[in-house]
Amino acid sequence: VQVVESGGGLVQPGGSLSVSCTVSGTFSSYYMSWVRQAPGKGLEWVASFYNDVGKSYYEDSVKGRFTISVDNGLNTQYLQMTSLKFEDTAMYYCAGPNYWGQGTQVTVSS
């Protein structure tokens, strides 16, 4: 399984940013998730999309600000982030049942 993440970068508080993750090879897409790790902290689940029911789930602190979406034809998942806060600064990883991305950095700073 090959995973390529892209997007991320530096954004001011209140700004928006998107990250994406394209998966190739033999993989399970039962669920597609985003996980993040802030500096000096552990992994934190952010959001998941379950393909069998077409539903999304979000960690409370990102509800209403982040949107997870999936293009199964392109084997790509996205995370659109709005109203970004300092505390959203982290390395963001895409993850599924049998894959894990290399991570892309999102930094919220003025």
PDB file of N, CA and C in Angstrom:
ATOM      1  N   VAL A   1       0.858  -1.180   0.000  1.00  0.00           N
ATOM      2  CA  VAL A   1       0.000   0.000   0.000  1.00  0.00           C
ATOM      3  C   VAL A   1       0.898   1.236   0.000  1.00  0.00           C
ATOM      4  N   GLN A   2       0.592   2.149  -0.891  1.00  0.00           N
ATOM      5  CA  GLN A   2       1.333   3.416  -0.936  1.00  0.00           C
ATOM      6  C   GLN A   2       0.385   4.544  -0.564  1.00  0.00           C
ATOM      7  N   VAL A   3       0.872   5.443   0.249  1.00  0.00           N
ATOM      8  CA  VAL A   3       0.061   6.559   0.733  1.00  0.00           C
ATOM      9  C   VAL A   3       0.822   7.855   0.499  1.00  0.00           C
ATOM     10  N   VAL A   4       0.158   8.808  -0.116  1.00  0.00           N
ATOM     11  CA  VAL A   4       0.765  10.110  -0.358  1.00  0.00           C
ATOM     12  C   VAL A   4      -0.135  11.191   0.199  1.00  0.00           C
ATOM     13  N   GLU A   5       0.383  11.917   1.174  1.00  0.00           N
ATOM     14  CA  GLU A   5      -0.357  13.041   1.746  1.00  0.00           C
ATOM     15  C   GLU A   5       0.141  14.338   1.129  1.00  0.00           C
ATOM     16  N   SER A   6      -0.743  15.296   1.042  1.00  0.00           N
ATOM     17  CA  SER A   6      -0.348  16.606   0.542  1.00  0.00           C
ATOM     18  C   SER A   6      -1.207  17.676   1.192  1.00  0.00           C
ATOM     19  N   GLY A   7      -0.810  18.913   0.982  1.00  0.00           N
ATOM     20  CA  GLY A   7      -1.506  20.029   1.598  1.00  0.00           C
ATOM     21  C   GLY A   7      -0.800  20.423   2.874  1.00  0.00           C
ATOM     22  N   GLY A   8      -1.514  21.025   3.767  1.00  0.00           N
ATOM     23  CA  GLY A   8      -0.897  21.509   4.991  1.00  0.00           C
ATOM     24  C   GLY A   8      -0.137  22.797   4.741  1.00  0.00           C
ATOM     25  N   GLY A   9       0.522  23.260   5.793  1.00  0.00           N
ATOM     26  CA  GLY A   9       1.287  24.492   5.672  1.00  0.00           C
ATOM     27  C   GLY A   9       1.034  25.422   6.836  1.00  0.00           C
ATOM     28  N   LEU A  10       1.328  26.700   6.596  1.00  0.00           N
ATOM     29  CA  LEU A  10       1.197  27.720   7.638  1.00  0.00           C
ATOM     30  C   LEU A  10      -0.030  28.576   7.353  1.00  0.00           C
ATOM     31  N   VAL A  11      -0.832  28.801   8.370  1.00  0.00           N
ATOM     32  CA  VAL A  11      -2.047  29.599   8.215  1.00  0.00           C
ATOM     33  C   VAL A  11      -2.263  30.419   9.481  1.00  0.00           C
ATOM     34  N   GLN A  12      -2.888  31.577   9.327  1.00  0.00           N
ATOM     35  CA  GLN A  12      -3.183  32.419  10.479  1.00  0.00           C
ATOM     36  C   GLN A  12      -4.431  31.919  11.203  1.00  0.00           C
ATOM     37  N   PRO A  13      -4.555  32.236  12.469  1.00  0.00           N
ATOM     38  CA  PRO A  13      -5.777  31.852  13.196  1.00  0.00           C
ATOM     39  C   PRO A  13      -7.012  32.385  12.485  1.00  0.00           C
ATOM     40  N   GLY A  14      -8.030  31.544  12.412  1.00  0.00           N
ATOM     41  CA  GLY A  14      -9.248  31.909  11.702  1.00  0.00           C
ATOM     42  C   GLY A  14      -9.223  31.545  10.233  1.00  0.00           C
ATOM     43  N   GLY A  15      -8.075  31.140   9.747  1.00  0.00           N
ATOM     44  CA  GLY A  15      -7.936  30.794   8.340  1.00  0.00           C
ATOM     45  C   GLY A  15      -8.394  29.378   8.025  1.00  0.00           C
ATOM     46  N   SER A  16      -8.223  29.009   6.747  1.00  0.00           N
ATOM     47  CA  SER A  16      -8.654  27.693   6.269  1.00  0.00           C
ATOM     48  C   SER A  16      -7.505  26.991   5.559  1.00  0.00           C
ATOM     49  N   LEU A  17      -7.586  25.693   5.562  1.00  0.00           N
ATOM     50  CA  LEU A  17      -6.550  24.877   4.935  1.00  0.00           C
ATOM     51  C   LEU A  17      -7.145  23.510   4.631  1.00  0.00           C
ATOM     52  N   SER A  18      -6.615  22.854   3.607  1.00  0.00           N
ATOM     53  CA  SER A  18      -7.061  21.497   3.292  1.00  0.00           C
ATOM     54  C   SER A  18      -5.868  20.570   3.167  1.00  0.00           C
ATOM     55  N   VAL A  19      -6.059  19.332   3.565  1.00  0.00           N
ATOM     56  CA  VAL A  19      -5.061  18.304   3.368  1.00  0.00           C
ATOM     57  C   VAL A  19      -5.721  17.137   2.649  1.00  0.00           C
ATOM     58  N   SER A  20      -4.923  16.397   1.896  1.00  0.00           N
ATOM     59  CA  SER A  20      -5.469  15.257   1.169  1.00  0.00           C
ATOM     60  C   SER A  20      -4.537  14.065   1.284  1.00  0.00           C
ATOM     61  N   CYS A  21      -5.080  12.907   0.969  1.00  0.00           N
ATOM     62  CA  CYS A  21      -4.333  11.653   1.111  1.00  0.00           C
ATOM     63  C   CYS A  21      -4.803  10.691   0.027  1.00  0.00           C
ATOM     64  N   THR A  22      -3.888  10.261  -0.819  1.00  0.00           N
ATOM     65  CA  THR A  22      -4.213   9.321  -1.882  1.00  0.00           C
ATOM     66  C   THR A  22      -3.568   7.981  -1.583  1.00  0.00           C
ATOM     67  N   VAL A  23      -4.382   6.944  -1.662  1.00  0.00           N
ATOM     68  CA  VAL A  23      -3.920   5.592  -1.329  1.00  0.00           C
ATOM     69  C   VAL A  23      -3.951   4.722  -2.580  1.00  0.00           C
ATOM     70  N   SER A  24      -2.925   3.921  -2.761  1.00  0.00           N
ATOM     71  CA  SER A  24      -2.890   2.997  -3.890  1.00  0.00           C
ATOM     72  C   SER A  24      -2.431   1.626  -3.406  1.00  0.00           C
ATOM     73  N   GLY A  25      -2.701   0.636  -4.233  1.00  0.00           N
ATOM     74  CA  GLY A  25      -2.379  -0.721  -3.831  1.00  0.00           C
ATOM     75  C   GLY A  25      -3.606  -1.411  -3.274  1.00  0.00           C
ATOM     76  N   THR A  26      -3.398  -2.506  -2.570  1.00  0.00           N
ATOM     77  CA  THR A  26      -4.494  -3.273  -1.996  1.00  0.00           C
ATOM     78  C   THR A  26      -4.740  -2.788  -0.570  1.00  0.00           C
ATOM     79  N   PHE A  27      -5.848  -2.142  -0.361  1.00  0.00           N
ATOM     80  CA  PHE A  27      -6.132  -1.602   0.950  1.00  0.00           C
ATOM     81  C   PHE A  27      -7.623  -1.680   1.232  1.00  0.00           C
ATOM     82  N   SER A  28      -7.933  -1.629   2.512  1.00  0.00           N
ATOM     83  CA  SER A  28      -9.321  -1.615   2.932  1.00  0.00           C
ATOM     84  C   SER A  28      -9.766  -0.174   3.116  1.00  0.00           C
ATOM     85  N   SER A  29     -10.932   0.142   2.542  1.00  0.00           N
ATOM     86  CA  SER A  29     -11.489   1.491   2.705  1.00  0.00           C
ATOM     87  C   SER A  29     -12.739   1.463   3.576  1.00  0.00           C
ATOM     88  N   TYR A  30     -12.835   0.449   4.443  1.00  0.00           N
ATOM     89  CA  TYR A  30     -14.004   0.357   5.321  1.00  0.00           C
ATOM     90  C   TYR A  30     -14.213   1.671   6.059  1.00  0.00           C
ATOM     91  N   TYR A  31     -13.110   2.222   6.585  1.00  0.00           N
ATOM     92  CA  TYR A  31     -13.180   3.569   7.132  1.00  0.00           C
ATOM     93  C   TYR A  31     -11.919   4.314   6.710  1.00  0.00           C
ATOM     94  N   MET A  32     -12.029   5.620   6.634  1.00  0.00           N
ATOM     95  CA  MET A  32     -10.882   6.466   6.302  1.00  0.00           C
ATOM     96  C   MET A  32     -10.872   7.586   7.331  1.00  0.00           C
ATOM     97  N   SER A  33      -9.750   7.746   7.977  1.00  0.00           N
ATOM     98  CA  SER A  33      -9.682   8.651   9.119  1.00  0.00           C
ATOM     99  C   SER A  33      -8.539   9.645   9.008  1.00  0.00           C
ATOM    100  N   TRP A  34      -8.639  10.654   9.852  1.00  0.00           N
ATOM    101  CA  TRP A  34      -7.546  11.599  10.068  1.00  0.00           C
ATOM    102  C   TRP A  34      -7.205  11.585  11.552  1.00  0.00           C
ATOM    103  N   VAL A  35      -5.934  11.562  11.840  1.00  0.00           N
ATOM    104  CA  VAL A  35      -5.401  11.556  13.202  1.00  0.00           C
ATOM    105  C   VAL A  35      -4.328  12.640  13.249  1.00  0.00           C
ATOM    106  N   ARG A  36      -4.171  13.290  14.387  1.00  0.00           N
ATOM    107  CA  ARG A  36      -3.131  14.326  14.478  1.00  0.00           C
ATOM    108  C   ARG A  36      -2.298  14.148  15.739  1.00  0.00           C
ATOM    109  N   GLN A  37      -1.129  14.749  15.698  1.00  0.00           N
ATOM    110  CA  GLN A  37      -0.245  14.732  16.853  1.00  0.00           C
ATOM    111  C   GLN A  37       0.374  16.108  17.011  1.00  0.00           C
ATOM    112  N   ALA A  38      -0.001  16.782  18.082  1.00  0.00           N
ATOM    113  CA  ALA A  38       0.551  18.092  18.380  1.00  0.00           C
ATOM    114  C   ALA A  38       1.935  17.929  19.002  1.00  0.00           C
ATOM    115  N   PRO A  39       2.754  18.970  18.933  1.00  0.00           N
ATOM    116  CA  PRO A  39       4.104  18.888  19.498  1.00  0.00           C
ATOM    117  C   PRO A  39       4.081  18.484  20.964  1.00  0.00           C
ATOM    118  N   GLY A  40       4.813  17.447  21.305  1.00  0.00           N
ATOM    119  CA  GLY A  40       4.927  17.000  22.678  1.00  0.00           C
ATOM    120  C   GLY A  40       3.724  16.248  23.218  1.00  0.00           C
ATOM    121  N   LYS A  41       2.767  15.929  22.347  1.00  0.00           N
ATOM    122  CA  LYS A  41       1.551  15.250  22.795  1.00  0.00           C
ATOM    123  C   LYS A  41       1.361  13.930  22.051  1.00  0.00           C
ATOM    124  N   GLY A  42       0.383  13.150  22.500  1.00  0.00           N
ATOM    125  CA  GLY A  42       0.093  11.878  21.877  1.00  0.00           C
ATOM    126  C   GLY A  42      -0.810  12.016  20.668  1.00  0.00           C
ATOM    127  N   LEU A  43      -1.103  10.893  20.056  1.00  0.00           N
ATOM    128  CA  LEU A  43      -1.988  10.892  18.899  1.00  0.00           C
ATOM    129  C   LEU A  43      -3.416  11.201  19.319  1.00  0.00           C
ATOM    130  N   GLU A  44      -4.106  11.965  18.469  1.00  0.00           N
ATOM    131  CA  GLU A  44      -5.492  12.336  18.730  1.00  0.00           C
ATOM    132  C   GLU A  44      -6.311  12.062  17.478  1.00  0.00           C
ATOM    133  N   TRP A  45      -7.362  11.275  17.630  1.00  0.00           N
ATOM    134  CA  TRP A  45      -8.278  11.041  16.514  1.00  0.00           C
ATOM    135  C   TRP A  45      -9.026  12.352  16.202  1.00  0.00           C
ATOM    136  N   VAL A  46      -9.187  12.644  14.906  1.00  0.00           N
ATOM    137  CA  VAL A  46      -9.840  13.879  14.475  1.00  0.00           C
ATOM    138  C   VAL A  46     -11.186  13.608  13.806  1.00  0.00           C
ATOM    139  N   ALA A  47     -11.193  12.707  12.827  1.00  0.00           N
ATOM    140  CA  ALA A  47     -12.420  12.470  12.079  1.00  0.00           C
ATOM    141  C   ALA A  47     -12.322  11.148  11.335  1.00  0.00           C
ATOM    142  N   SER A  48     -13.480  10.564  11.052  1.00  0.00           N
ATOM    143  CA  SER A  48     -13.545   9.336  10.274  1.00  0.00           C
ATOM    144  C   SER A  48     -14.747   9.355   9.346  1.00  0.00           C
ATOM    145  N   PHE A  49     -14.606   8.681   8.212  1.00  0.00           N
ATOM    146  CA  PHE A  49     -15.706   8.484   7.284  1.00  0.00           C
ATOM    147  C   PHE A  49     -15.849   6.990   7.057  1.00  0.00           C
ATOM    148  N   TYR A  50     -17.074   6.489   7.275  1.00  0.00           N
ATOM    149  CA  TYR A  50     -17.341   5.076   7.087  1.00  0.00           C
ATOM    150  C   TYR A  50     -18.060   4.896   5.757  1.00  0.00           C
ATOM    151  N   ASN A  51     -17.414   4.208   4.839  1.00  0.00           N
ATOM    152  CA  ASN A  51     -17.953   4.058   3.489  1.00  0.00           C
ATOM    153  C   ASN A  51     -19.232   3.231   3.445  1.00  0.00           C
ATOM    154  N   ASP A  52     -19.362   2.228   4.346  1.00  0.00           N
ATOM    155  CA  ASP A  52     -20.530   1.351   4.251  1.00  0.00           C
ATOM    156  C   ASP A  52     -21.829   2.087   4.558  1.00  0.00           C
ATOM    157  N   VAL A  53     -21.773   3.081   5.418  1.00  0.00           N
ATOM    158  CA  VAL A  53     -22.983   3.832   5.780  1.00  0.00           C
ATOM    159  C   VAL A  53     -22.927   5.277   5.291  1.00  0.00           C
ATOM    160  N   GLY A  54     -21.799   5.685   4.751  1.00  0.00           N
ATOM    161  CA  GLY A  54     -21.679   7.042   4.240  1.00  0.00           C
ATOM    162  C   GLY A  54     -21.770   8.110   5.317  1.00  0.00           C
ATOM    163  N   LYS A  55     -21.285   7.805   6.514  1.00  0.00           N
ATOM    164  CA  LYS A  55     -21.382   8.757   7.615  1.00  0.00           C
ATOM    165  C   LYS A  55     -20.002   9.216   8.079  1.00  0.00           C
ATOM    166  N   SER A  56     -19.991  10.449   8.574  1.00  0.00           N
ATOM    167  CA  SER A  56     -18.765  11.038   9.102  1.00  0.00           C
ATOM    168  C   SER A  56     -18.902  11.243  10.596  1.00  0.00           C
ATOM    169  N   TYR A  57     -17.781  11.158  11.286  1.00  0.00           N
ATOM    170  CA  TYR A  57     -17.754  11.367  12.724  1.00  0.00           C
ATOM    171  C   TYR A  57     -16.569  12.278  13.036  1.00  0.00           C
ATOM    172  N   TYR A  58     -16.765  13.126  14.056  1.00  0.00           N
ATOM    173  CA  TYR A  58     -15.749  14.124  14.368  1.00  0.00           C
ATOM    174  C   TYR A  58     -15.466  14.187  15.864  1.00  0.00           C
ATOM    175  N   GLU A  59     -14.222  14.501  16.174  1.00  0.00           N
ATOM    176  CA  GLU A  59     -13.853  14.809  17.551  1.00  0.00           C
ATOM    177  C   GLU A  59     -14.523  16.134  17.917  1.00  0.00           C
ATOM    178  N   ASP A  60     -14.938  16.253  19.164  1.00  0.00           N
ATOM    179  CA  ASP A  60     -15.753  17.400  19.564  1.00  0.00           C
ATOM    180  C   ASP A  60     -15.121  18.752  19.245  1.00  0.00           C
ATOM    181  N   SER A  61     -13.812  18.874  19.413  1.00  0.00           N
ATOM    182  CA  SER A  61     -13.185  20.187  19.259  1.00  0.00           C
ATOM    183  C   SER A  61     -13.134  20.661  17.804  1.00  0.00           C
ATOM    184  N   VAL A  62     -13.378  19.758  16.855  1.00  0.00           N
ATOM    185  CA  VAL A  62     -13.327  20.156  15.445  1.00  0.00           C
ATOM    186  C   VAL A  62     -14.700  20.150  14.784  1.00  0.00           C
ATOM    187  N   LYS A  63     -15.721  19.717  15.494  1.00  0.00           N
ATOM    188  CA  LYS A  63     -17.070  19.688  14.924  1.00  0.00           C
ATOM    189  C   LYS A  63     -17.484  21.077  14.476  1.00  0.00           C
ATOM    190  N   GLY A  64     -18.049  21.129  13.271  1.00  0.00           N
ATOM    191  CA  GLY A  64     -18.494  22.410  12.740  1.00  0.00           C
ATOM    192  C   GLY A  64     -17.382  23.208  12.070  1.00  0.00           C
ATOM    193  N   ARG A  65     -16.135  22.772  12.253  1.00  0.00           N
ATOM    194  CA  ARG A  65     -15.010  23.497  11.638  1.00  0.00           C
ATOM    195  C   ARG A  65     -14.293  22.639  10.585  1.00  0.00           C
ATOM    196  N   PHE A  66     -14.226  21.351  10.809  1.00  0.00           N
ATOM    197  CA  PHE A  66     -13.529  20.443   9.894  1.00  0.00           C
ATOM    198  C   PHE A  66     -14.552  19.587   9.146  1.00  0.00           C
ATOM    199  N   THR A  67     -14.210  19.228   7.916  1.00  0.00           N
ATOM    200  CA  THR A  67     -15.062  18.350   7.118  1.00  0.00           C
ATOM    201  C   THR A  67     -14.201  17.284   6.458  1.00  0.00           C
ATOM    202  N   ILE A  68     -14.551  16.027   6.690  1.00  0.00           N
ATOM    203  CA  ILE A  68     -13.867  14.918   6.034  1.00  0.00           C
ATOM    204  C   ILE A  68     -14.704  14.502   4.826  1.00  0.00           C
ATOM    205  N   SER A  69     -14.022  14.226   3.733  1.00  0.00           N
ATOM    206  CA  SER A  69     -14.719  13.750   2.545  1.00  0.00           C
ATOM    207  C   SER A  69     -13.833  12.718   1.846  1.00  0.00           C
ATOM    208  N   VAL A  70     -14.482  11.931   1.004  1.00  0.00           N
ATOM    209  CA  VAL A  70     -13.778  10.834   0.341  1.00  0.00           C
ATOM    210  C   VAL A  70     -14.205  10.772  -1.125  1.00  0.00           C
ATOM    211  N   ASP A  71     -13.255  10.607  -2.008  1.00  0.00           N
ATOM    212  CA  ASP A  71     -13.524  10.339  -3.417  1.00  0.00           C
ATOM    213  C   ASP A  71     -13.027   8.924  -3.676  1.00  0.00           C
ATOM    214  N   ASN A  72     -13.950   7.969  -3.639  1.00  0.00           N
ATOM    215  CA  ASN A  72     -13.541   6.571  -3.777  1.00  0.00           C
ATOM    216  C   ASN A  72     -12.993   6.269  -5.174  1.00  0.00           C
ATOM    217  N   GLY A  73     -13.442   7.010  -6.161  1.00  0.00           N
ATOM    218  CA  GLY A  73     -12.930   6.800  -7.515  1.00  0.00           C
ATOM    219  C   GLY A  73     -11.461   7.145  -7.639  1.00  0.00           C
ATOM    220  N   LEU A  74     -11.037   8.113  -6.838  1.00  0.00           N
ATOM    221  CA  LEU A  74      -9.646   8.547  -6.841  1.00  0.00           C
ATOM    222  C   LEU A  74      -8.857   7.962  -5.673  1.00  0.00           C
ATOM    223  N   ASN A  75      -9.539   7.164  -4.836  1.00  0.00           N
ATOM    224  CA  ASN A  75      -8.896   6.614  -3.628  1.00  0.00           C
ATOM    225  C   ASN A  75      -8.255   7.732  -2.798  1.00  0.00           C
ATOM    226  N   THR A  76      -8.970   8.817  -2.688  1.00  0.00           N
ATOM    227  CA  THR A  76      -8.434   9.993  -2.000  1.00  0.00           C
ATOM    228  C   THR A  76      -9.390  10.460  -0.914  1.00  0.00           C
ATOM    229  N   GLN A  77      -8.827  10.812   0.219  1.00  0.00           N
ATOM    230  CA  GLN A  77      -9.610  11.384   1.290  1.00  0.00           C
ATOM    231  C   GLN A  77      -9.096  12.794   1.543  1.00  0.00           C
ATOM    232  N   TYR A  78      -9.996  13.641   2.018  1.00  0.00           N
ATOM    233  CA  TYR A  78      -9.668  15.038   2.235  1.00  0.00           C
ATOM    234  C   TYR A  78     -10.085  15.456   3.648  1.00  0.00           C
ATOM    235  N   LEU A  79      -9.422  16.472   4.136  1.00  0.00           N
ATOM    236  CA  LEU A  79      -9.844  17.104   5.379  1.00  0.00           C
ATOM    237  C   LEU A  79      -9.801  18.608   5.145  1.00  0.00           C
ATOM    238  N   GLN A  80     -10.978  19.202   5.112  1.00  0.00           N
ATOM    239  CA  GLN A  80     -11.070  20.644   4.960  1.00  0.00           C
ATOM    240  C   GLN A  80     -11.203  21.257   6.338  1.00  0.00           C
ATOM    241  N   MET A  81     -10.338  22.209   6.642  1.00  0.00           N
ATOM    242  CA  MET A  81     -10.280  22.813   7.966  1.00  0.00           C
ATOM    243  C   MET A  81     -10.547  24.304   7.861  1.00  0.00           C
ATOM    244  N   THR A  82     -11.494  24.780   8.634  1.00  0.00           N
ATOM    245  CA  THR A  82     -11.818  26.199   8.668  1.00  0.00           C
ATOM    246  C   THR A  82     -11.747  26.697  10.103  1.00  0.00           C
ATOM    247  N   SER A  83     -11.787  28.014  10.252  1.00  0.00           N
ATOM    248  CA  SER A  83     -11.732  28.643  11.579  1.00  0.00           C
ATOM    249  C   SER A  83     -10.619  28.021  12.423  1.00  0.00           C
ATOM    250  N   LEU A  84      -9.461  27.900  11.837  1.00  0.00           N
ATOM    251  CA  LEU A  84      -8.350  27.223  12.505  1.00  0.00           C
ATOM    252  C   LEU A  84      -7.889  27.980  13.745  1.00  0.00           C
ATOM    253  N   LYS A  85      -7.482  27.214  14.756  1.00  0.00           N
ATOM    254  CA  LYS A  85      -7.037  27.763  16.031  1.00  0.00           C
ATOM    255  C   LYS A  85      -5.581  27.348  16.281  1.00  0.00           C
ATOM    256  N   PHE A  86      -4.939  28.063  17.183  1.00  0.00           N
ATOM    257  CA  PHE A  86      -3.551  27.724  17.537  1.00  0.00           C
ATOM    258  C   PHE A  86      -3.437  26.238  17.906  1.00  0.00           C
ATOM    259  N   GLU A  87      -4.429  25.748  18.639  1.00  0.00           N
ATOM    260  CA  GLU A  87      -4.372  24.378  19.135  1.00  0.00           C
ATOM    261  C   GLU A  87      -4.596  23.317  18.067  1.00  0.00           C
ATOM    262  N   ASP A  88      -4.881  23.744  16.839  1.00  0.00           N
ATOM    263  CA  ASP A  88      -4.979  22.797  15.726  1.00  0.00           C
ATOM    264  C   ASP A  88      -3.607  22.500  15.127  1.00  0.00           C
ATOM    265  N   THR A  89      -2.589  23.203  15.573  1.00  0.00           N
ATOM    266  CA  THR A  89      -1.236  22.959  15.086  1.00  0.00           C
ATOM    267  C   THR A  89      -0.823  21.534  15.421  1.00  0.00           C
ATOM    268  N   ALA A  90      -0.452  20.775  14.386  1.00  0.00           N
ATOM    269  CA  ALA A  90      -0.105  19.369  14.586  1.00  0.00           C
ATOM    270  C   ALA A  90       0.365  18.768  13.269  1.00  0.00           C
ATOM    271  N   MET A  91       0.913  17.573  13.392  1.00  0.00           N
ATOM    272  CA  MET A  91       1.158  16.745  12.213  1.00  0.00           C
ATOM    273  C   MET A  91      -0.114  15.946  11.988  1.00  0.00           C
ATOM    274  N   TYR A  92      -0.637  16.014  10.783  1.00  0.00           N
ATOM    275  CA  TYR A  92      -1.882  15.331  10.456  1.00  0.00           C
ATOM    276  C   TYR A  92      -1.578  14.084   9.622  1.00  0.00           C
ATOM    277  N   TYR A  93      -2.150  12.963  10.056  1.00  0.00           N
ATOM    278  CA  TYR A  93      -1.945  11.682   9.386  1.00  0.00           C
ATOM    279  C   TYR A  93      -3.285  11.148   8.883  1.00  0.00           C
ATOM    280  N   CYS A  94      -3.298  10.606   7.656  1.00  0.00           N
ATOM    281  CA  CYS A  94      -4.460   9.852   7.224  1.00  0.00           C
ATOM    282  C   CYS A  94      -4.233   8.402   7.638  1.00  0.00           C
ATOM    283  N   ALA A  95      -5.316   7.711   7.916  1.00  0.00           N
ATOM    284  CA  ALA A  95      -5.197   6.340   8.407  1.00  0.00           C
ATOM    285  C   ALA A  95      -6.428   5.533   8.034  1.00  0.00           C
ATOM    286  N   GLY A  96      -6.200   4.258   7.771  1.00  0.00           N
ATOM    287  CA  GLY A  96      -7.266   3.324   7.490  1.00  0.00           C
ATOM    288  C   GLY A  96      -6.950   1.991   8.137  1.00  0.00           C
ATOM    289  N   PRO A  97      -7.760   0.996   7.880  1.00  0.00           N
ATOM    290  CA  PRO A  97      -7.550  -0.319   8.515  1.00  0.00           C
ATOM    291  C   PRO A  97      -6.154  -0.893   8.266  1.00  0.00           C
ATOM    292  N   ASN A  98      -5.589  -0.633   7.085  1.00  0.00           N
ATOM    293  CA  ASN A  98      -4.261  -1.195   6.824  1.00  0.00           C
ATOM    294  C   ASN A  98      -3.325  -0.211   6.154  1.00  0.00           C
ATOM    295  N   TYR A  99      -3.498   1.080   6.457  1.00  0.00           N
ATOM    296  CA  TYR A  99      -2.547   2.056   5.939  1.00  0.00           C
ATOM    297  C   TYR A  99      -2.432   3.231   6.887  1.00  0.00           C
ATOM    298  N   TRP A 100      -1.323   3.921   6.745  1.00  0.00           N
ATOM    299  CA  TRP A 100      -1.041   5.096   7.592  1.00  0.00           C
ATOM    300  C   TRP A 100      -0.177   6.031   6.766  1.00  0.00           C
ATOM    301  N   GLY A 101      -0.543   7.293   6.683  1.00  0.00           N
ATOM    302  CA  GLY A 101       0.200   8.265   5.893  1.00  0.00           C
ATOM    303  C   GLY A 101       1.479   8.710   6.576  1.00  0.00           C
ATOM    304  N   GLN A 102       2.294   9.437   5.791  1.00  0.00           N
ATOM    305  CA  GLN A 102       3.572   9.900   6.326  1.00  0.00           C
ATOM    306  C   GLN A 102       3.432  11.170   7.154  1.00  0.00           C
ATOM    307  N   GLY A 103       2.259  11.801   7.057  1.00  0.00           N
ATOM    308  CA  GLY A 103       2.010  13.000   7.842  1.00  0.00           C
ATOM    309  C   GLY A 103       2.272  14.262   7.056  1.00  0.00           C
ATOM    310  N   THR A 104       1.462  15.278   7.334  1.00  0.00           N
ATOM    311  CA  THR A 104       1.668  16.596   6.752  1.00  0.00           C
ATOM    312  C   THR A 104       1.455  17.624   7.861  1.00  0.00           C
ATOM    313  N   GLN A 105       2.334  18.617   7.913  1.00  0.00           N
ATOM    314  CA  GLN A 105       2.329  19.572   9.016  1.00  0.00           C
ATOM    315  C   GLN A 105       1.333  20.692   8.774  1.00  0.00           C
ATOM    316  N   VAL A 106       0.535  20.971   9.781  1.00  0.00           N
ATOM    317  CA  VAL A 106      -0.358  22.131   9.777  1.00  0.00           C
ATOM    318  C   VAL A 106       0.057  23.019  10.951  1.00  0.00           C
ATOM    319  N   THR A 107       0.401  24.253  10.645  1.00  0.00           N
ATOM    320  CA  THR A 107       0.825  25.195  11.679  1.00  0.00           C
ATOM    321  C   THR A 107      -0.072  26.411  11.649  1.00  0.00           C
ATOM    322  N   VAL A 108      -0.696  26.693  12.781  1.00  0.00           N
ATOM    323  CA  VAL A 108      -1.549  27.865  12.909  1.00  0.00           C
ATOM    324  C   VAL A 108      -0.794  28.881  13.757  1.00  0.00           C
ATOM    325  N   SER A 109      -0.449  30.000  13.140  1.00  0.00           N
ATOM    326  CA  SER A 109       0.368  30.987  13.826  1.00  0.00           C
ATOM    327  C   SER A 109       0.116  32.372  13.241  1.00  0.00           C
ATOM    328  N   SER A 110       0.191  33.385  14.088  1.00  0.00           N
ATOM    329  CA  SER A 110       0.050  34.751  13.617  1.00  0.00           C
ATOM    330  C   SER A 110       1.419  35.370  13.356  1.00  0.00           C
TER     331      SER A 110
END
